[in-house]
Amino acid sequence: MEGTEIAINCTEKDGSKACYTCMGRDMENCETGTVCCSGSCFKLIDIQHNLIMKGCTNEDQEDGSMKKRTLDVKLYWVNDEKVTG
């Protein structure tokens, strides 16, 4: 079923909302998916590593917050530096 998007009903799972997930150089070349999230969805742009990430945090945050964060995601191609944005 390549190219078919599967609908996810998060009210039947642990999360209260669905968050689009992504990691890549730009939105066209992103490994994607969807997760159920009980916290908040986020988008992070790591300028130093030329990387975009979208995902879910455990804590609730206001929409559009510009909070800087470092994720526990190690980038093997730059000596295991972590994603920051």
Protein backbone atom coordinates (compact mmCIF):
# COMPACT_ATOMS: atom_id res chain seq x y z
CA MET A 1 0.00 0.00 0.00
CA GLU A 2 2.73 2.44 -0.93
CA GLY A 3 1.63 6.08 -1.05
CA THR A 4 -1.51 5.46 1.02
CA GLU A 5 -1.89 7.56 4.15
CA ILE A 6 -3.33 5.76 7.18
CA ALA A 7 -5.69 7.69 9.46
CA ILE A 8 -4.70 7.57 13.13
CA ASN A 9 -7.35 7.93 15.83
CA CYS A 10 -5.45 9.12 18.90
CA THR A 11 -8.53 9.23 21.14
CA GLU A 12 -8.49 5.41 21.02
CA LYS A 13 -4.82 5.41 22.11
CA ASP A 14 -2.85 7.06 24.94
CA GLY A 15 -2.37 10.42 23.20
CA SER A 16 -4.91 13.18 22.83
CA LYS A 17 -3.67 14.61 19.51
CA ALA A 18 -1.81 13.43 16.43
CA CYS A 19 1.60 14.96 15.70
CA TYR A 20 3.31 14.82 12.31
CA THR A 21 6.89 13.58 12.69
CA CYS A 22 9.76 14.36 10.38
CA MET A 23 13.56 14.45 10.25
CA GLY A 24 15.47 15.67 7.22
CA ARG A 25 17.23 18.49 5.38
CA ASP A 26 13.98 20.07 4.18
CA MET A 27 10.25 19.33 4.14
CA GLU A 28 10.42 17.63 0.71
CA ASN A 29 13.18 15.21 1.80
CA CYS A 30 11.92 14.22 5.23
CA GLU A 31 11.41 10.76 6.73
CA THR A 32 7.83 11.15 7.98
CA GLY A 33 5.22 9.57 10.18
CA THR A 34 2.50 10.37 12.71
CA VAL A 35 2.43 9.72 16.47
CA CYS A 36 -0.20 10.15 19.17
CA CYS A 37 0.90 12.80 21.65
CA SER A 38 -0.29 13.62 25.15
CA GLY A 39 1.88 16.77 25.27
CA SER A 40 2.58 19.22 22.45
CA CYS A 41 3.68 18.96 18.84
CA PHE A 42 6.87 20.85 17.90
CA LYS A 43 8.98 21.90 14.93
CA LEU A 44 12.71 22.41 15.45
CA ILE A 45 15.15 23.92 12.94
CA ASP A 46 18.81 23.13 13.67
CA ILE A 47 20.67 25.72 11.58
CA GLN A 48 24.14 24.46 12.54
CA HIS A 49 23.42 20.95 11.19
CA ASN A 50 21.03 22.05 8.40
CA LEU A 51 18.26 19.84 9.80
CA ILE A 52 14.49 20.05 10.39
CA MET A 53 12.69 17.91 12.99
CA LYS A 54 9.01 17.69 13.88
CA GLY A 55 7.62 15.58 16.69
CA CYS A 56 6.04 15.43 20.14
CA THR A 57 7.05 16.57 23.64
CA ASN A 58 5.67 15.13 26.88
CA GLU A 59 4.82 18.53 28.36
CA ASP A 60 2.07 20.92 27.27
CA GLN A 61 3.39 24.14 25.73
CA GLU A 62 1.65 27.14 24.26
CA ASP A 63 1.21 27.20 20.48
CA GLY A 64 3.92 29.10 18.65
CA SER A 65 6.36 29.18 21.57
CA MET A 66 9.90 29.89 20.38
CA LYS A 67 11.55 27.80 23.08
CA LYS A 68 15.08 26.64 22.24
CA ARG A 69 15.72 23.00 23.03
CA THR A 70 18.34 20.30 22.68
CA LEU A 71 16.96 16.88 21.83
CA ASP A 72 18.55 13.61 22.88
CA VAL A 73 19.10 12.68 19.24
CA LYS A 74 22.76 12.05 18.37
CA LEU A 75 23.91 12.81 14.84
CA TYR A 76 26.46 10.14 13.89
CA TRP A 77 27.88 12.17 10.97
CA VAL A 78 29.05 14.98 13.31
CA ASN A 79 30.62 12.99 16.17
CA ASP A 80 27.30 12.36 17.97
CA GLU A 81 26.47 16.06 18.47
CA LYS A 82 22.85 16.55 19.55
CA VAL A 83 20.07 18.28 17.62
CA THR A 84 19.56 21.85 18.90
CA GLY A 85 17.23 24.56 17.65
